[in-house]
Amino acid sequence: MNKEQWNTEWKIQKIFREKHDYLKTIKETDEILDTLKDINLEVKRRVKAIKAKSPSDTDQEDDSNDEEEEIEDEEVEEEDEDEQEYDSNQEDGSPELTSNDQTNRKQTPFVNYRSRIKLPPQTLTHFSGKFSQWPSFWDDFKSSVHNDPNLENIQKLKYLRGLLHDEPYRIVSPYPLTNKNYPIIIKLLKSRYENPMNPQAN
């Protein structure tokens, strides 16, 4: 075999080796693709199983949320009942709770501050809507009740309502006895009676 034949034979063998390597690479690539397909199918199967299970889990979560909301609603209703009972006791002159009674019933802010602070006697002049009487009424109420730092707003509002009659009382009566409503009602009364030229005064 001369040199030229040897070179030709070497090139042929090289081509066969490259072809073999190429086919081997293709086979390995196909195996990788098959593995990826299997993984993809498994992922889809698991996702489908999770989706099929989700509705029941969601229902359980909704039931849990509903139970929590019911508990919160019951607590709010109990607080409202305590507030109504407190208002009723104040209006009909029922005696205050003794220490034993307070320990036997649910403690609420209304019981707490009622037992801690006493409202001043209602010795102030009442107000029935006459514009000429408003300045003196407001001055007395402001100095005796409004500016008292020991009183809660709800106590001030309760005291104020007991001094109002006729139109002033009709203005404030729709508002529940709450701390937040006290400054609102004061603003309404001052807007109504401090300026006789106010169109609302007619």
N, C-alpha and C. Protein backbone atom coordinates (compact mmCIF):
# COMPACT_ATOMS: atom_id res chain seq x y z
N MET A 1 0.87 -1.19 0.00
CA MET A 1 0.00 0.00 0.00
C MET A 1 0.90 1.23 0.00
N ASN A 2 0.71 2.02 -1.04
CA ASN A 2 1.51 3.24 -1.12
C ASN A 2 0.91 4.33 -0.23
N LYS A 3 1.58 5.42 -0.20
CA LYS A 3 1.16 6.51 0.69
C LYS A 3 -0.18 7.07 0.30
N GLU A 4 -0.44 7.14 -0.98
CA GLU A 4 -1.73 7.71 -1.43
C GLU A 4 -2.88 6.83 -1.02
N GLN A 5 -2.70 5.50 -1.15
CA GLN A 5 -3.76 4.57 -0.75
C GLN A 5 -3.98 4.63 0.77
N TRP A 6 -2.87 4.77 1.48
CA TRP A 6 -2.99 4.83 2.94
C TRP A 6 -3.78 6.05 3.38
N ASN A 7 -3.51 7.18 2.72
CA ASN A 7 -4.24 8.42 3.04
C ASN A 7 -5.72 8.27 2.74
N THR A 8 -6.00 7.61 1.63
CA THR A 8 -7.41 7.42 1.26
C THR A 8 -8.11 6.55 2.29
N GLU A 9 -7.43 5.45 2.68
CA GLU A 9 -8.01 4.56 3.67
C GLU A 9 -8.22 5.28 5.02
N TRP A 10 -7.29 6.09 5.38
CA TRP A 10 -7.40 6.84 6.65
C TRP A 10 -8.58 7.80 6.63
N LYS A 11 -8.77 8.47 5.48
CA LYS A 11 -9.91 9.41 5.36
C LYS A 11 -11.23 8.67 5.44
N ILE A 12 -11.27 7.47 4.82
CA ILE A 12 -12.51 6.70 4.85
C ILE A 12 -12.84 6.28 6.29
N GLN A 13 -11.82 5.81 7.00
CA GLN A 13 -12.03 5.42 8.40
C GLN A 13 -12.45 6.62 9.26
N LYS A 14 -11.86 7.76 8.96
CA LYS A 14 -12.23 8.96 9.69
C LYS A 14 -13.69 9.32 9.47
N ILE A 15 -14.12 9.18 8.22
CA ILE A 15 -15.53 9.47 7.90
C ILE A 15 -16.45 8.52 8.66
N PHE A 16 -16.08 7.23 8.70
CA PHE A 16 -16.90 6.26 9.41
C PHE A 16 -16.95 6.56 10.92
N ARG A 17 -15.80 6.95 11.47
CA ARG A 17 -15.77 7.30 12.89
C ARG A 17 -16.67 8.50 13.19
N GLU A 18 -16.58 9.52 12.33
CA GLU A 18 -17.41 10.71 12.52
C GLU A 18 -18.90 10.37 12.40
N LYS A 19 -19.21 9.49 11.44
CA LYS A 19 -20.60 9.08 11.26
C LYS A 19 -21.08 8.34 12.50
N HIS A 20 -20.18 7.45 13.01
CA HIS A 20 -20.55 6.69 14.20
C HIS A 20 -20.80 7.63 15.39
N ASP A 21 -19.91 8.59 15.55
CA ASP A 21 -20.08 9.55 16.64
C ASP A 21 -21.36 10.37 16.46
N TYR A 22 -21.66 10.72 15.22
CA TYR A 22 -22.87 11.50 14.93
C TYR A 22 -24.12 10.70 15.28
N LEU A 23 -24.13 9.43 14.85
CA LEU A 23 -25.28 8.58 15.14
C LEU A 23 -25.43 8.35 16.65
N LYS A 24 -24.27 8.22 17.31
CA LYS A 24 -24.31 8.04 18.76
C LYS A 24 -24.89 9.28 19.44
N THR A 25 -24.50 10.45 18.95
CA THR A 25 -25.03 11.70 19.52
C THR A 25 -26.53 11.82 19.30
N ILE A 26 -26.97 11.43 18.09
CA ILE A 26 -28.41 11.48 17.78
C ILE A 26 -29.18 10.54 18.71
N LYS A 27 -28.61 9.34 18.94
CA LYS A 27 -29.28 8.38 19.81
C LYS A 27 -29.38 8.92 21.24
N GLU A 28 -28.29 9.49 21.71
CA GLU A 28 -28.31 10.05 23.07
C GLU A 28 -29.30 11.21 23.17
N THR A 29 -29.36 12.02 22.11
CA THR A 29 -30.32 13.14 22.10
C THR A 29 -31.75 12.63 22.14
N ASP A 30 -32.02 11.56 21.37
CA ASP A 30 -33.37 10.99 21.37
C ASP A 30 -33.73 10.46 22.76
N GLU A 31 -32.75 9.83 23.42
CA GLU A 31 -33.01 9.32 24.76
C GLU A 31 -33.32 10.46 25.74
N ILE A 32 -32.57 11.55 25.60
CA ILE A 32 -32.83 12.71 26.46
C ILE A 32 -34.22 13.28 26.21
N LEU A 33 -34.60 13.37 24.92
CA LEU A 33 -35.93 13.89 24.58
C LEU A 33 -37.03 12.99 25.13
N ASP A 34 -36.81 11.67 25.04
CA ASP A 34 -37.80 10.74 25.59
C ASP A 34 -37.94 10.93 27.11
N THR A 35 -36.81 11.12 27.77
CA THR A 35 -36.85 11.34 29.22
C THR A 35 -37.60 12.63 29.57
N LEU A 36 -37.33 13.68 28.79
CA LEU A 36 -38.03 14.95 29.02
C LEU A 36 -39.53 14.80 28.79
N LYS A 37 -39.91 14.02 27.77
CA LYS A 37 -41.33 13.80 27.51
C LYS A 37 -41.98 13.08 28.69
N ASP A 38 -41.26 12.07 29.22
CA ASP A 38 -41.81 11.34 30.38
C ASP A 38 -41.98 12.28 31.58
N ILE A 39 -40.98 13.13 31.79
CA ILE A 39 -41.06 14.09 32.91
C ILE A 39 -42.23 15.04 32.71
N ASN A 40 -42.41 15.51 31.46
CA ASN A 40 -43.51 16.44 31.16
C ASN A 40 -44.86 15.79 31.41
N LEU A 41 -44.99 14.51 31.01
CA LEU A 41 -46.25 13.81 31.24
C LEU A 41 -46.51 13.63 32.74
N GLU A 42 -45.46 13.34 33.50
CA GLU A 42 -45.61 13.17 34.94
C GLU A 42 -46.03 14.47 35.62
N VAL A 43 -45.43 15.57 35.16
CA VAL A 43 -45.79 16.88 35.71
C VAL A 43 -47.25 17.19 35.42
N LYS A 44 -47.68 16.94 34.16
CA LYS A 44 -49.08 17.20 33.80
C LYS A 44 -50.02 16.34 34.63
N ARG A 45 -49.62 15.08 34.88
CA ARG A 45 -50.48 14.19 35.68
C ARG A 45 -50.64 14.72 37.10
N ARG A 46 -49.51 15.17 37.67
CA ARG A 46 -49.57 15.67 39.05
C ARG A 46 -50.36 16.97 39.15
N VAL A 47 -50.19 17.85 38.15
CA VAL A 47 -50.95 19.10 38.13
C VAL A 47 -52.44 18.82 38.05
N LYS A 48 -52.81 17.86 37.20
CA LYS A 48 -54.22 17.49 37.06
C LYS A 48 -54.77 16.95 38.38
N ALA A 49 -53.95 16.14 39.07
CA ALA A 49 -54.39 15.58 40.35
C ALA A 49 -54.57 16.68 41.39
N ILE A 50 -53.66 17.67 41.39
CA ILE A 50 -53.77 18.79 42.34
C ILE A 50 -55.01 19.61 42.06
N LYS A 51 -55.27 19.88 40.77
CA LYS A 51 -56.46 20.66 40.41
C LYS A 51 -57.73 19.94 40.81
N ALA A 52 -57.73 18.60 40.66
CA ALA A 52 -58.92 17.83 41.03
C ALA A 52 -59.15 17.84 42.53
N LYS A 53 -58.07 18.01 43.30
CA LYS A 53 -58.17 18.01 44.76
C LYS A 53 -58.46 19.39 45.32
N SER A 54 -58.14 20.44 44.58
CA SER A 54 -58.24 21.82 45.08
C SER A 54 -59.63 22.22 45.53
N PRO A 55 -60.73 21.89 44.77
CA PRO A 55 -62.07 22.35 45.20
C PRO A 55 -62.41 21.96 46.62
N SER A 56 -62.10 20.70 47.02
CA SER A 56 -62.43 20.28 48.38
C SER A 56 -61.62 21.05 49.40
N ASP A 57 -60.33 21.29 49.08
CA ASP A 57 -59.50 22.07 49.99
C ASP A 57 -60.02 23.48 50.12
N THR A 58 -60.46 24.05 48.98
CA THR A 58 -61.00 25.41 49.00
C THR A 58 -62.27 25.49 49.84
N ASP A 59 -63.12 24.43 49.73
CA ASP A 59 -64.35 24.41 50.52
C ASP A 59 -64.03 24.37 52.00
N GLN A 60 -63.01 23.56 52.38
CA GLN A 60 -62.64 23.50 53.79
C GLN A 60 -62.14 24.84 54.28
N GLU A 61 -61.36 25.55 53.43
CA GLU A 61 -60.85 26.86 53.83
C GLU A 61 -61.99 27.86 53.97
N ASP A 62 -62.97 27.79 53.03
CA ASP A 62 -64.12 28.69 53.10
C ASP A 62 -64.92 28.43 54.37
N ASP A 63 -65.09 27.11 54.72
CA ASP A 63 -65.83 26.78 55.94
C ASP A 63 -65.13 27.34 57.16
N SER A 64 -63.80 27.25 57.16
CA SER A 64 -63.03 27.80 58.29
C SER A 64 -63.21 29.30 58.39
N ASN A 65 -63.16 29.99 57.22
CA ASN A 65 -63.34 31.44 57.22
C ASN A 65 -64.74 31.82 57.70
N ASP A 66 -65.75 31.02 57.28
CA ASP A 66 -67.12 31.31 57.70
C ASP A 66 -67.26 31.18 59.21
N GLU A 67 -66.61 30.14 59.79
CA GLU A 67 -66.69 29.96 61.24
C GLU A 67 -66.05 31.14 61.97
N GLU A 68 -64.90 31.63 61.44
CA GLU A 68 -64.25 32.78 62.08
C GLU A 68 -65.13 34.02 62.00
N GLU A 69 -65.80 34.23 60.83
CA GLU A 69 -66.67 35.39 60.69
C GLU A 69 -67.85 35.29 61.64
N GLU A 70 -68.41 34.08 61.82
CA GLU A 70 -69.53 33.91 62.73
C GLU A 70 -69.13 34.24 64.16
N ILE A 71 -67.92 33.81 64.55
CA ILE A 71 -67.43 34.11 65.90
C ILE A 71 -67.30 35.61 66.09
N GLU A 72 -66.73 36.31 65.06
CA GLU A 72 -66.56 37.76 65.15
C GLU A 72 -67.92 38.45 65.24
N ASP A 73 -68.91 37.97 64.44
CA ASP A 73 -70.24 38.57 64.47
C ASP A 73 -70.87 38.41 65.85
N GLU A 74 -70.69 37.22 66.46
CA GLU A 74 -71.25 36.99 67.79
C GLU A 74 -70.63 37.92 68.82
N GLU A 75 -69.31 38.15 68.70
CA GLU A 75 -68.65 39.05 69.64
C GLU A 75 -69.17 40.47 69.49
N VAL A 76 -69.37 40.91 68.21
CA VAL A 76 -69.89 42.26 67.97
C VAL A 76 -71.29 42.39 68.54
N GLU A 77 -72.14 41.35 68.33
CA GLU A 77 -73.50 41.39 68.85
C GLU A 77 -73.50 41.48 70.38
N GLU A 78 -72.60 40.73 71.02
CA GLU A 78 -72.54 40.78 72.48
C GLU A 78 -72.14 42.17 72.97
N GLU A 79 -71.20 42.82 72.24
CA GLU A 79 -70.80 44.17 72.64
C GLU A 79 -71.96 45.15 72.45
N ASP A 80 -72.72 44.99 71.33
CA ASP A 80 -73.87 45.86 71.11
C ASP A 80 -74.91 45.68 72.20
N GLU A 81 -75.15 44.42 72.62
CA GLU A 81 -76.12 44.17 73.68
C GLU A 81 -75.68 44.81 74.99
N ASP A 82 -74.38 44.74 75.27
CA ASP A 82 -73.87 45.37 76.49
C ASP A 82 -74.07 46.87 76.46
N GLU A 83 -73.84 47.48 75.26
CA GLU A 83 -74.01 48.93 75.16
C GLU A 83 -75.48 49.32 75.35
N GLN A 84 -76.40 48.52 74.72
CA GLN A 84 -77.82 48.82 74.87
C GLN A 84 -78.27 48.67 76.32
N GLU A 85 -77.74 47.64 77.00
CA GLU A 85 -78.11 47.45 78.40
C GLU A 85 -77.59 48.60 79.25
N TYR A 86 -76.40 49.07 78.94
CA TYR A 86 -75.85 50.22 79.68
C TYR A 86 -76.72 51.45 79.50
N ASP A 87 -77.14 51.73 78.23
CA ASP A 87 -78.00 52.88 77.98
C ASP A 87 -79.32 52.74 78.71
N SER A 88 -79.89 51.51 78.70
CA SER A 88 -81.17 51.29 79.37
C SER A 88 -81.05 51.52 80.87
N ASN A 89 -79.97 51.04 81.47
CA ASN A 89 -79.78 51.23 82.90
C ASN A 89 -79.63 52.70 83.26
N GLN A 90 -78.96 53.47 82.39
CA GLN A 90 -78.79 54.90 82.66
C GLN A 90 -80.12 55.64 82.59
N GLU A 91 -80.98 55.24 81.62
CA GLU A 91 -82.24 55.97 81.41
C GLU A 91 -83.27 55.64 82.48
N ASP A 92 -83.32 54.35 82.91
CA ASP A 92 -84.37 54.01 83.88
C ASP A 92 -83.89 54.10 85.32
N GLY A 93 -82.66 54.57 85.52
CA GLY A 93 -82.17 54.77 86.88
C GLY A 93 -81.82 53.50 87.61
N SER A 94 -81.53 52.40 86.86
CA SER A 94 -81.17 51.15 87.51
C SER A 94 -79.87 51.31 88.27
N PRO A 95 -79.72 50.62 89.41
CA PRO A 95 -78.47 50.74 90.18
C PRO A 95 -77.31 50.18 89.40
N GLU A 96 -76.13 50.71 89.73
CA GLU A 96 -74.94 50.23 89.05
C GLU A 96 -74.59 48.83 89.52
N LEU A 97 -73.78 48.12 88.71
CA LEU A 97 -73.39 46.77 89.04
C LEU A 97 -72.48 46.77 90.27
N THR A 98 -72.69 45.79 91.15
CA THR A 98 -71.77 45.62 92.27
C THR A 98 -70.52 44.93 91.77
N SER A 99 -69.53 44.84 92.66
CA SER A 99 -68.28 44.19 92.27
C SER A 99 -68.52 42.72 91.93
N ASN A 100 -69.44 42.04 92.67
CA ASN A 100 -69.73 40.64 92.38
C ASN A 100 -70.39 40.49 91.03
N ASP A 101 -71.33 41.39 90.73
CA ASP A 101 -72.00 41.33 89.43
C ASP A 101 -71.01 41.53 88.31
N GLN A 102 -70.09 42.44 88.50
CA GLN A 102 -69.13 42.73 87.44
C GLN A 102 -68.24 41.54 87.16
N THR A 103 -67.90 40.76 88.18
CA THR A 103 -67.05 39.60 87.95
C THR A 103 -67.82 38.46 87.34
N ASN A 104 -69.16 38.45 87.47
CA ASN A 104 -69.97 37.36 86.95
C ASN A 104 -70.45 37.59 85.54
N ARG A 105 -70.25 38.76 84.98
CA ARG A 105 -70.69 39.02 83.62
C ARG A 105 -69.50 39.42 82.78
N LYS A 106 -69.67 39.41 81.49
CA LYS A 106 -68.56 39.74 80.59
C LYS A 106 -68.15 41.18 80.78
N GLN A 107 -66.85 41.41 80.95
CA GLN A 107 -66.33 42.76 81.12
C GLN A 107 -66.29 43.44 79.77
N THR A 108 -66.85 44.65 79.68
CA THR A 108 -66.82 45.43 78.44
C THR A 108 -66.37 46.83 78.77
N PRO A 109 -65.95 47.60 77.73
CA PRO A 109 -65.54 48.98 77.99
C PRO A 109 -66.61 49.80 78.67
N PHE A 110 -67.89 49.48 78.37
CA PHE A 110 -68.97 50.27 78.94
C PHE A 110 -69.04 50.08 80.45
N VAL A 111 -68.88 48.83 80.91
CA VAL A 111 -68.89 48.57 82.35
C VAL A 111 -67.64 49.15 83.00
N ASN A 112 -66.52 49.01 82.31
CA ASN A 112 -65.26 49.46 82.88
C ASN A 112 -65.27 50.95 83.18
N TYR A 113 -65.57 51.77 82.17
CA TYR A 113 -65.47 53.21 82.42
C TYR A 113 -66.65 53.72 83.23
N ARG A 114 -67.78 53.01 83.23
CA ARG A 114 -68.88 53.47 84.07
C ARG A 114 -68.54 53.29 85.54
N SER A 115 -67.84 52.18 85.86
CA SER A 115 -67.48 51.95 87.25
C SER A 115 -66.30 52.81 87.67
N ARG A 116 -65.51 53.29 86.70
CA ARG A 116 -64.32 54.05 87.03
C ARG A 116 -64.62 55.53 87.20
N ILE A 117 -65.53 56.09 86.39
CA ILE A 117 -65.78 57.54 86.41
C ILE A 117 -67.28 57.78 86.56
N LYS A 118 -67.62 58.69 87.44
CA LYS A 118 -69.02 59.06 87.63
C LYS A 118 -69.32 60.32 86.84
N LEU A 119 -70.48 60.31 86.16
CA LEU A 119 -70.91 61.51 85.46
C LEU A 119 -71.33 62.57 86.47
N PRO A 120 -71.08 63.83 86.17
CA PRO A 120 -71.52 64.89 87.08
C PRO A 120 -73.04 64.98 87.10
N PRO A 121 -73.62 65.41 88.19
CA PRO A 121 -75.08 65.56 88.25
C PRO A 121 -75.57 66.51 87.16
N GLN A 122 -76.75 66.20 86.61
CA GLN A 122 -77.28 67.04 85.53
C GLN A 122 -77.93 68.29 86.13
N THR A 123 -77.10 69.23 86.50
CA THR A 123 -77.58 70.48 87.08
C THR A 123 -77.51 71.63 86.08
N LEU A 124 -77.03 71.36 84.87
CA LEU A 124 -76.91 72.41 83.86
C LEU A 124 -78.27 72.74 83.26
N THR A 125 -78.36 73.92 82.69
CA THR A 125 -79.60 74.34 82.04
C THR A 125 -79.85 73.51 80.79
N HIS A 126 -81.10 73.14 80.59
CA HIS A 126 -81.47 72.37 79.40
C HIS A 126 -81.60 73.32 78.20
N PHE A 127 -81.52 72.72 77.00
CA PHE A 127 -81.57 73.54 75.78
C PHE A 127 -82.63 72.96 74.85
N SER A 128 -83.56 73.83 74.43
CA SER A 128 -84.67 73.37 73.58
C SER A 128 -84.65 73.99 72.19
N GLY A 129 -83.60 74.73 71.85
CA GLY A 129 -83.48 75.23 70.48
C GLY A 129 -83.56 76.73 70.30
N LYS A 130 -83.70 77.50 71.37
CA LYS A 130 -83.75 78.96 71.23
C LYS A 130 -82.34 79.50 71.01
N PHE A 131 -82.18 80.26 69.92
CA PHE A 131 -80.85 80.74 69.56
C PHE A 131 -80.25 81.64 70.64
N SER A 132 -81.10 82.40 71.30
CA SER A 132 -80.60 83.32 72.33
C SER A 132 -80.03 82.58 73.54
N GLN A 133 -80.47 81.35 73.74
CA GLN A 133 -80.00 80.58 74.90
C GLN A 133 -78.77 79.73 74.60
N TRP A 134 -78.46 79.58 73.32
CA TRP A 134 -77.34 78.71 72.95
C TRP A 134 -76.00 79.15 73.54
N PRO A 135 -75.59 80.43 73.44
CA PRO A 135 -74.27 80.81 73.96
C PRO A 135 -74.06 80.45 75.42
N SER A 136 -75.05 80.77 76.26
CA SER A 136 -74.89 80.46 77.69
C SER A 136 -74.92 78.95 77.94
N PHE A 137 -75.79 78.25 77.20
CA PHE A 137 -75.85 76.79 77.35
C PHE A 137 -74.51 76.15 76.99
N TRP A 138 -73.97 76.56 75.84
CA TRP A 138 -72.72 75.96 75.39
C TRP A 138 -71.56 76.30 76.33
N ASP A 139 -71.52 77.53 76.83
CA ASP A 139 -70.45 77.91 77.75
C ASP A 139 -70.48 77.06 79.02
N ASP A 140 -71.69 76.86 79.56
CA ASP A 140 -71.82 76.05 80.78
C ASP A 140 -71.43 74.60 80.52
N PHE A 141 -71.94 74.06 79.41
CA PHE A 141 -71.67 72.66 79.09
C PHE A 141 -70.18 72.46 78.79
N LYS A 142 -69.60 73.39 78.08
CA LYS A 142 -68.18 73.26 77.72
C LYS A 142 -67.30 73.26 78.96
N SER A 143 -67.56 74.17 79.88
CA SER A 143 -66.71 74.26 81.07
C SER A 143 -66.94 73.10 82.03
N SER A 144 -68.16 72.58 82.09
CA SER A 144 -68.48 71.54 83.07
C SER A 144 -68.25 70.12 82.54
N VAL A 145 -68.47 69.92 81.24
CA VAL A 145 -68.43 68.56 80.69
C VAL A 145 -67.45 68.43 79.52
N HIS A 146 -67.62 69.29 78.53
CA HIS A 146 -66.85 69.16 77.29
C HIS A 146 -65.34 69.18 77.54
N ASN A 147 -64.89 70.04 78.43
CA ASN A 147 -63.45 70.19 78.68
C ASN A 147 -62.93 69.28 79.79
N ASP A 148 -63.77 68.41 80.30
CA ASP A 148 -63.35 67.52 81.38
C ASP A 148 -62.52 66.36 80.80
N PRO A 149 -61.22 66.29 81.10
CA PRO A 149 -60.37 65.24 80.52
C PRO A 149 -60.64 63.85 81.09
N ASN A 150 -61.38 63.79 82.19
CA ASN A 150 -61.64 62.49 82.81
C ASN A 150 -62.84 61.77 82.21
N LEU A 151 -63.57 62.44 81.34
CA LEU A 151 -64.76 61.86 80.75
C LEU A 151 -64.48 61.34 79.35
N GLU A 152 -65.03 60.17 79.03
CA GLU A 152 -64.98 59.64 77.67
C GLU A 152 -65.96 60.42 76.81
N ASN A 153 -65.72 60.43 75.49
CA ASN A 153 -66.63 61.12 74.58
C ASN A 153 -68.05 60.55 74.66
N ILE A 154 -68.14 59.24 74.82
CA ILE A 154 -69.47 58.63 74.87
C ILE A 154 -70.22 59.07 76.13
N GLN A 155 -69.51 59.34 77.21
CA GLN A 155 -70.15 59.84 78.43
C GLN A 155 -70.61 61.29 78.23
N LYS A 156 -69.76 62.07 77.57
CA LYS A 156 -70.14 63.46 77.29
C LYS A 156 -71.38 63.51 76.40
N LEU A 157 -71.42 62.60 75.41
CA LEU A 157 -72.57 62.56 74.51
C LEU A 157 -73.83 62.15 75.26
N LYS A 158 -73.70 61.17 76.14
CA LYS A 158 -74.85 60.73 76.94
C LYS A 158 -75.37 61.88 77.81
N TYR A 159 -74.45 62.60 78.40
CA TYR A 159 -74.82 63.74 79.25
C TYR A 159 -75.49 64.82 78.42
N LEU A 160 -74.92 65.10 77.24
CA LEU A 160 -75.46 66.15 76.36
C LEU A 160 -76.88 65.82 75.93
N ARG A 161 -77.13 64.59 75.54
CA ARG A 161 -78.47 64.20 75.08
C ARG A 161 -79.51 64.38 76.19
N GLY A 162 -79.08 64.20 77.43
CA GLY A 162 -80.01 64.39 78.54
C GLY A 162 -80.39 65.83 78.76
N LEU A 163 -79.63 66.77 78.17
CA LEU A 163 -79.92 68.20 78.33
C LEU A 163 -80.68 68.79 77.15
N LEU A 164 -80.87 68.02 76.08
CA LEU A 164 -81.49 68.54 74.87
C LEU A 164 -82.96 68.14 74.79
N HIS A 165 -83.75 69.05 74.21
CA HIS A 165 -85.18 68.80 74.01
C HIS A 165 -85.60 69.33 72.64
N ASP A 166 -86.77 68.87 72.20
CA ASP A 166 -87.38 69.37 70.96
C ASP A 166 -86.41 69.23 69.78
N GLU A 167 -86.22 70.33 69.04
CA GLU A 167 -85.42 70.24 67.81
C GLU A 167 -83.98 69.78 68.04
N PRO A 168 -83.25 70.32 69.03
CA PRO A 168 -81.87 69.84 69.25
C PRO A 168 -81.80 68.34 69.50
N TYR A 169 -82.76 67.84 70.26
CA TYR A 169 -82.75 66.40 70.52
C TYR A 169 -83.03 65.61 69.25
N ARG A 170 -83.93 66.12 68.39
CA ARG A 170 -84.22 65.43 67.13
C ARG A 170 -83.00 65.42 66.21
N ILE A 171 -82.15 66.43 66.33
CA ILE A 171 -80.95 66.48 65.50
C ILE A 171 -79.96 65.39 65.90
N VAL A 172 -79.81 65.17 67.19
CA VAL A 172 -78.77 64.24 67.66
C VAL A 172 -79.27 62.82 67.86
N SER A 173 -80.58 62.63 67.98
CA SER A 173 -81.11 61.31 68.33
C SER A 173 -80.79 60.21 67.31
N PRO A 174 -80.67 60.52 65.99
CA PRO A 174 -80.36 59.43 65.06
C PRO A 174 -78.96 58.85 65.23
N TYR A 175 -78.09 59.56 65.92
CA TYR A 175 -76.70 59.12 66.03
C TYR A 175 -76.53 58.21 67.25
N PRO A 176 -75.97 57.01 67.06
CA PRO A 176 -75.73 56.10 68.19
C PRO A 176 -74.74 56.71 69.20
N LEU A 177 -74.83 56.23 70.42
CA LEU A 177 -73.92 56.70 71.47
C LEU A 177 -72.56 56.03 71.30
N THR A 178 -71.66 56.72 70.61
CA THR A 178 -70.30 56.23 70.41
C THR A 178 -69.32 57.37 70.61
N ASN A 179 -68.08 57.03 70.88
CA ASN A 179 -67.05 58.05 71.06
C ASN A 179 -66.87 58.88 69.79
N LYS A 180 -66.94 58.22 68.63
CA LYS A 180 -66.69 58.92 67.37
C LYS A 180 -67.80 59.91 67.02
N ASN A 181 -69.01 59.64 67.47
CA ASN A 181 -70.14 60.50 67.10
C ASN A 181 -70.19 61.79 67.91
N TYR A 182 -69.52 61.84 69.05
CA TYR A 182 -69.61 63.03 69.89
C TYR A 182 -69.11 64.29 69.18
N PRO A 183 -67.88 64.32 68.60
CA PRO A 183 -67.46 65.54 67.91
C PRO A 183 -68.33 65.87 66.70
N ILE A 184 -68.90 64.84 66.06
CA ILE A 184 -69.79 65.09 64.92
C ILE A 184 -71.04 65.84 65.38
N ILE A 185 -71.62 65.40 66.49
CA ILE A 185 -72.84 66.04 67.00
C ILE A 185 -72.55 67.45 67.49
N ILE A 186 -71.42 67.65 68.15
CA ILE A 186 -71.05 69.00 68.58
C ILE A 186 -70.95 69.94 67.38
N LYS A 187 -70.34 69.45 66.32
CA LYS A 187 -70.19 70.27 65.12
C LYS A 187 -71.56 70.61 64.52
N LEU A 188 -72.48 69.64 64.52
CA LEU A 188 -73.83 69.88 63.99
C LEU A 188 -74.56 70.95 64.81
N LEU A 189 -74.50 70.83 66.12
CA LEU A 189 -75.21 71.78 66.97
C LEU A 189 -74.63 73.19 66.85
N LYS A 190 -73.32 73.29 66.82
CA LYS A 190 -72.69 74.61 66.69
C LYS A 190 -73.00 75.23 65.34
N SER A 191 -73.00 74.41 64.29
CA SER A 191 -73.34 74.92 62.97
C SER A 191 -74.77 75.41 62.91
N ARG A 192 -75.64 74.74 63.65
CA ARG A 192 -77.07 75.08 63.63
C ARG A 192 -77.39 76.32 64.46
N TYR A 193 -76.80 76.44 65.66
CA TYR A 193 -77.26 77.45 66.61
C TYR A 193 -76.28 78.59 66.87
N GLU A 194 -75.05 78.48 66.43
CA GLU A 194 -74.13 79.59 66.66
C GLU A 194 -74.36 80.74 65.69
N ASN A 195 -74.91 80.45 64.52
CA ASN A 195 -75.13 81.48 63.51
C ASN A 195 -76.61 81.55 63.16
N PRO A 196 -77.36 82.47 63.75
CA PRO A 196 -78.80 82.56 63.45
C PRO A 196 -79.08 82.87 61.99
N MET A 197 -78.10 83.43 61.26
CA MET A 197 -78.30 83.76 59.85
C MET A 197 -78.08 82.56 58.95
N ASN A 198 -77.69 81.44 59.53
CA ASN A 198 -77.49 80.22 58.75
C ASN A 198 -78.82 79.84 58.10
N PRO A 199 -78.84 79.55 56.76
CA PRO A 199 -80.10 79.17 56.11
C PRO A 199 -80.79 77.99 56.77
N GLN A 200 -80.00 77.10 57.42
CA GLN A 200 -80.62 75.96 58.08
C GLN A 200 -81.42 76.37 59.30
N ALA A 201 -81.17 77.58 59.79
CA ALA A 201 -81.88 78.02 60.99
C ALA A 201 -83.30 78.45 60.69
N ASN A 202 -83.61 78.64 59.45
CA ASN A 202 -84.96 79.09 59.09
C ASN A 202 -85.89 77.90 58.97
